[in-house]
Amino acid sequence: MKEYNIYTVKINQTETTMTTVMNLSNPKQKMYFSSSPKMAVIGAYATSLHDNNTWQWEERYSHLIVEGKHCVACGDWSAFKDGRDF
């Protein structure tokens, strides 16, 4: 069985998984979010556009999400659904 490097943080007695998001056009550029992979790629995409209105990210960018079997992507940003690191 393969082991993945998954970071788990306890915040107010709930577990939150850290999601690594990579820019597919520049693989050295990564961002880290304490949210689901879907919200993490939306966050990375919005941040790359200098959009800091976090409360509107899902409304503005969720229609751009592309989901595959193992990954979720928004624009050039991608993350593994199971939380593994790049």
N, C-alpha and C. Protein backbone atom coordinates (compact mmCIF):
# COMPACT_ATOMS: atom_id res chain seq x y z
N MET A 1 0.84 -1.18 0.00
CA MET A 1 0.00 0.00 0.00
C MET A 1 0.89 1.25 0.00
N LYS A 2 0.56 2.19 -0.84
CA LYS A 2 1.34 3.41 -0.98
C LYS A 2 0.94 4.42 0.09
N GLU A 3 1.91 5.08 0.70
CA GLU A 3 1.64 6.10 1.71
C GLU A 3 1.75 7.48 1.10
N TYR A 4 0.85 8.36 1.47
CA TYR A 4 0.87 9.72 0.98
C TYR A 4 1.14 10.68 2.12
N ASN A 5 1.76 11.78 1.80
CA ASN A 5 2.08 12.80 2.79
C ASN A 5 0.88 13.72 2.92
N ILE A 6 0.03 13.45 3.89
CA ILE A 6 -1.18 14.23 4.11
C ILE A 6 -1.05 14.95 5.45
N TYR A 7 -1.27 16.24 5.44
CA TYR A 7 -1.19 17.03 6.66
C TYR A 7 -2.58 17.22 7.23
N THR A 8 -2.74 16.91 8.51
CA THR A 8 -4.02 17.09 9.16
C THR A 8 -3.82 18.00 10.36
N VAL A 9 -4.66 18.98 10.48
CA VAL A 9 -4.57 19.95 11.55
C VAL A 9 -5.90 19.94 12.31
N LYS A 10 -5.84 20.02 13.65
CA LYS A 10 -7.07 20.12 14.43
C LYS A 10 -7.34 21.58 14.74
N ILE A 11 -8.50 22.06 14.29
CA ILE A 11 -8.92 23.43 14.56
C ILE A 11 -10.28 23.35 15.25
N ASN A 12 -10.33 23.84 16.48
CA ASN A 12 -11.57 23.81 17.27
C ASN A 12 -12.19 22.41 17.29
N GLN A 13 -11.36 21.40 17.53
CA GLN A 13 -11.78 20.00 17.67
C GLN A 13 -12.30 19.38 16.37
N THR A 14 -12.10 20.02 15.23
CA THR A 14 -12.45 19.40 13.95
C THR A 14 -11.17 19.23 13.14
N GLU A 15 -11.11 18.18 12.37
CA GLU A 15 -9.92 17.93 11.56
C GLU A 15 -10.05 18.61 10.21
N THR A 16 -8.98 19.26 9.81
CA THR A 16 -8.92 19.93 8.52
C THR A 16 -7.70 19.41 7.78
N THR A 17 -7.87 19.01 6.55
CA THR A 17 -6.76 18.50 5.76
C THR A 17 -6.14 19.64 4.96
N MET A 18 -4.82 19.71 4.98
CA MET A 18 -4.10 20.71 4.18
C MET A 18 -4.03 20.20 2.74
N THR A 19 -4.41 21.03 1.81
CA THR A 19 -4.39 20.68 0.39
C THR A 19 -3.29 21.44 -0.32
N THR A 20 -2.45 20.71 -1.06
CA THR A 20 -1.41 21.32 -1.87
C THR A 20 -1.96 21.53 -3.27
N VAL A 21 -1.85 22.75 -3.77
CA VAL A 21 -2.32 23.09 -5.11
C VAL A 21 -1.11 23.51 -5.94
N MET A 22 -0.99 22.96 -7.15
CA MET A 22 0.16 23.26 -8.01
C MET A 22 -0.31 23.95 -9.28
N ASN A 23 0.49 24.92 -9.71
CA ASN A 23 0.25 25.61 -10.97
C ASN A 23 0.82 24.73 -12.08
N LEU A 24 -0.03 24.21 -12.95
CA LEU A 24 0.43 23.29 -14.00
C LEU A 24 1.27 23.97 -15.07
N SER A 25 1.17 25.28 -15.20
CA SER A 25 2.01 25.98 -16.17
C SER A 25 3.36 26.38 -15.56
N ASN A 26 3.49 26.29 -14.24
CA ASN A 26 4.74 26.56 -13.54
C ASN A 26 4.80 25.65 -12.31
N PRO A 27 5.25 24.40 -12.48
CA PRO A 27 5.19 23.41 -11.40
C PRO A 27 5.94 23.79 -10.12
N LYS A 28 6.82 24.77 -10.17
CA LYS A 28 7.51 25.19 -8.96
C LYS A 28 6.62 26.06 -8.07
N GLN A 29 5.53 26.56 -8.64
CA GLN A 29 4.62 27.43 -7.90
C GLN A 29 3.52 26.58 -7.25
N LYS A 30 3.51 26.56 -5.91
CA LYS A 30 2.51 25.80 -5.16
C LYS A 30 1.89 26.70 -4.11
N MET A 31 0.66 26.38 -3.75
CA MET A 31 -0.05 27.06 -2.67
C MET A 31 -0.63 25.99 -1.75
N TYR A 32 -0.82 26.35 -0.51
CA TYR A 32 -1.34 25.42 0.49
C TYR A 32 -2.59 26.01 1.13
N PHE A 33 -3.64 25.20 1.20
CA PHE A 33 -4.92 25.65 1.76
C PHE A 33 -5.43 24.62 2.76
N SER A 34 -6.10 25.10 3.79
CA SER A 34 -6.74 24.20 4.76
C SER A 34 -8.22 24.10 4.40
N SER A 35 -8.46 23.49 3.26
CA SER A 35 -9.83 23.34 2.77
C SER A 35 -9.89 22.12 1.86
N SER A 36 -11.06 21.86 1.34
CA SER A 36 -11.23 20.76 0.40
C SER A 36 -10.42 21.04 -0.87
N PRO A 37 -10.07 20.00 -1.62
CA PRO A 37 -9.34 20.23 -2.87
C PRO A 37 -10.08 21.16 -3.83
N LYS A 38 -11.39 21.04 -3.90
CA LYS A 38 -12.18 21.91 -4.80
C LYS A 38 -12.04 23.37 -4.39
N MET A 39 -12.22 23.67 -3.12
CA MET A 39 -12.11 25.06 -2.65
C MET A 39 -10.66 25.54 -2.72
N ALA A 40 -9.71 24.64 -2.57
CA ALA A 40 -8.30 25.02 -2.64
C ALA A 40 -7.91 25.48 -4.04
N VAL A 41 -8.36 24.75 -5.08
CA VAL A 41 -8.02 25.18 -6.44
C VAL A 41 -8.76 26.46 -6.82
N ILE A 42 -9.98 26.62 -6.31
CA ILE A 42 -10.69 27.88 -6.53
C ILE A 42 -9.93 29.01 -5.86
N GLY A 43 -9.45 28.77 -4.64
CA GLY A 43 -8.68 29.77 -3.92
C GLY A 43 -7.39 30.14 -4.62
N ALA A 44 -6.69 29.14 -5.13
CA ALA A 44 -5.43 29.41 -5.84
C ALA A 44 -5.70 30.20 -7.12
N TYR A 45 -6.73 29.82 -7.85
CA TYR A 45 -7.08 30.53 -9.08
C TYR A 45 -7.46 31.98 -8.79
N ALA A 46 -8.32 32.18 -7.78
CA ALA A 46 -8.75 33.53 -7.43
C ALA A 46 -7.58 34.37 -6.93
N THR A 47 -6.71 33.77 -6.14
CA THR A 47 -5.54 34.49 -5.63
C THR A 47 -4.63 34.90 -6.77
N SER A 48 -4.49 34.04 -7.77
CA SER A 48 -3.64 34.38 -8.92
C SER A 48 -4.22 35.56 -9.72
N LEU A 49 -5.53 35.78 -9.58
CA LEU A 49 -6.18 36.93 -10.24
C LEU A 49 -6.25 38.14 -9.30
N HIS A 50 -5.62 38.04 -8.14
CA HIS A 50 -5.62 39.09 -7.11
C HIS A 50 -7.02 39.37 -6.58
N ASP A 51 -7.85 38.33 -6.53
CA ASP A 51 -9.20 38.44 -5.98
C ASP A 51 -9.14 37.96 -4.53
N ASN A 52 -9.26 38.88 -3.59
CA ASN A 52 -9.18 38.54 -2.17
C ASN A 52 -10.55 38.51 -1.49
N ASN A 53 -11.61 38.56 -2.26
CA ASN A 53 -12.97 38.47 -1.71
C ASN A 53 -13.33 37.01 -1.49
N THR A 54 -12.79 36.41 -0.45
CA THR A 54 -12.94 34.97 -0.23
C THR A 54 -14.39 34.53 -0.12
N TRP A 55 -15.25 35.38 0.36
CA TRP A 55 -16.65 35.01 0.53
C TRP A 55 -17.38 34.88 -0.80
N GLN A 56 -16.78 35.33 -1.90
CA GLN A 56 -17.42 35.23 -3.21
C GLN A 56 -16.72 34.24 -4.14
N TRP A 57 -15.65 33.63 -3.70
CA TRP A 57 -14.88 32.74 -4.58
C TRP A 57 -15.73 31.62 -5.17
N GLU A 58 -16.46 30.91 -4.34
CA GLU A 58 -17.23 29.78 -4.85
C GLU A 58 -18.28 30.23 -5.86
N GLU A 59 -18.94 31.31 -5.57
CA GLU A 59 -19.95 31.84 -6.48
C GLU A 59 -19.34 32.27 -7.82
N ARG A 60 -18.17 32.90 -7.78
CA ARG A 60 -17.54 33.43 -8.98
C ARG A 60 -16.85 32.37 -9.84
N TYR A 61 -16.25 31.35 -9.21
CA TYR A 61 -15.35 30.47 -9.95
C TYR A 61 -15.74 28.99 -9.96
N SER A 62 -16.79 28.59 -9.25
CA SER A 62 -17.12 27.16 -9.19
C SER A 62 -17.51 26.60 -10.57
N HIS A 63 -18.01 27.45 -11.46
CA HIS A 63 -18.39 26.98 -12.80
C HIS A 63 -17.14 26.64 -13.65
N LEU A 64 -15.95 27.04 -13.20
CA LEU A 64 -14.71 26.76 -13.94
C LEU A 64 -14.04 25.47 -13.50
N ILE A 65 -14.58 24.80 -12.49
CA ILE A 65 -13.98 23.57 -11.94
C ILE A 65 -14.10 22.42 -12.94
N VAL A 66 -12.99 21.70 -13.11
CA VAL A 66 -12.97 20.48 -13.92
C VAL A 66 -12.52 19.36 -12.99
N GLU A 67 -13.35 18.31 -12.88
CA GLU A 67 -13.02 17.20 -11.99
C GLU A 67 -12.74 15.95 -12.80
N GLY A 68 -11.64 15.31 -12.46
CA GLY A 68 -11.29 14.03 -13.05
C GLY A 68 -11.37 12.94 -12.00
N LYS A 69 -10.85 11.78 -12.32
CA LYS A 69 -10.89 10.66 -11.38
C LYS A 69 -10.03 10.93 -10.15
N HIS A 70 -8.86 11.52 -10.34
CA HIS A 70 -7.92 11.72 -9.24
C HIS A 70 -7.67 13.18 -8.88
N CYS A 71 -7.98 14.10 -9.79
CA CYS A 71 -7.63 15.51 -9.58
C CYS A 71 -8.82 16.42 -9.80
N VAL A 72 -8.68 17.62 -9.28
CA VAL A 72 -9.64 18.69 -9.52
C VAL A 72 -8.82 19.90 -9.97
N ALA A 73 -9.33 20.66 -10.93
CA ALA A 73 -8.57 21.78 -11.48
C ALA A 73 -9.46 22.99 -11.71
N CYS A 74 -8.83 24.14 -11.66
CA CYS A 74 -9.48 25.42 -11.98
C CYS A 74 -8.42 26.27 -12.66
N GLY A 75 -8.61 26.56 -13.93
CA GLY A 75 -7.57 27.26 -14.69
C GLY A 75 -6.32 26.39 -14.75
N ASP A 76 -5.16 26.97 -14.44
CA ASP A 76 -3.90 26.23 -14.44
C ASP A 76 -3.62 25.55 -13.11
N TRP A 77 -4.50 25.67 -12.13
CA TRP A 77 -4.27 25.15 -10.78
C TRP A 77 -4.93 23.81 -10.59
N SER A 78 -4.20 22.87 -9.98
CA SER A 78 -4.71 21.52 -9.80
C SER A 78 -4.33 20.96 -8.44
N ALA A 79 -5.17 20.06 -7.92
CA ALA A 79 -4.89 19.38 -6.65
C ALA A 79 -5.42 17.95 -6.74
N PHE A 80 -4.77 17.05 -6.02
CA PHE A 80 -5.26 15.68 -5.93
C PHE A 80 -6.46 15.64 -5.00
N LYS A 81 -7.48 14.85 -5.35
CA LYS A 81 -8.68 14.73 -4.53
C LYS A 81 -8.42 14.03 -3.21
N ASP A 82 -7.45 13.12 -3.19
CA ASP A 82 -7.20 12.35 -1.96
C ASP A 82 -6.21 13.02 -1.01
N GLY A 83 -5.77 14.23 -1.34
CA GLY A 83 -4.90 14.98 -0.43
C GLY A 83 -3.43 14.76 -0.58
N ARG A 84 -3.01 13.89 -1.49
CA ARG A 84 -1.56 13.66 -1.63
C ARG A 84 -0.88 14.91 -2.17
N ASP A 85 0.42 15.00 -1.89
CA ASP A 85 1.22 16.15 -2.28
C ASP A 85 1.82 15.92 -3.67
N PHE A 86 2.17 16.98 -4.34
CA PHE A 86 2.83 16.88 -5.64
C PHE A 86 4.30 16.63 -5.46
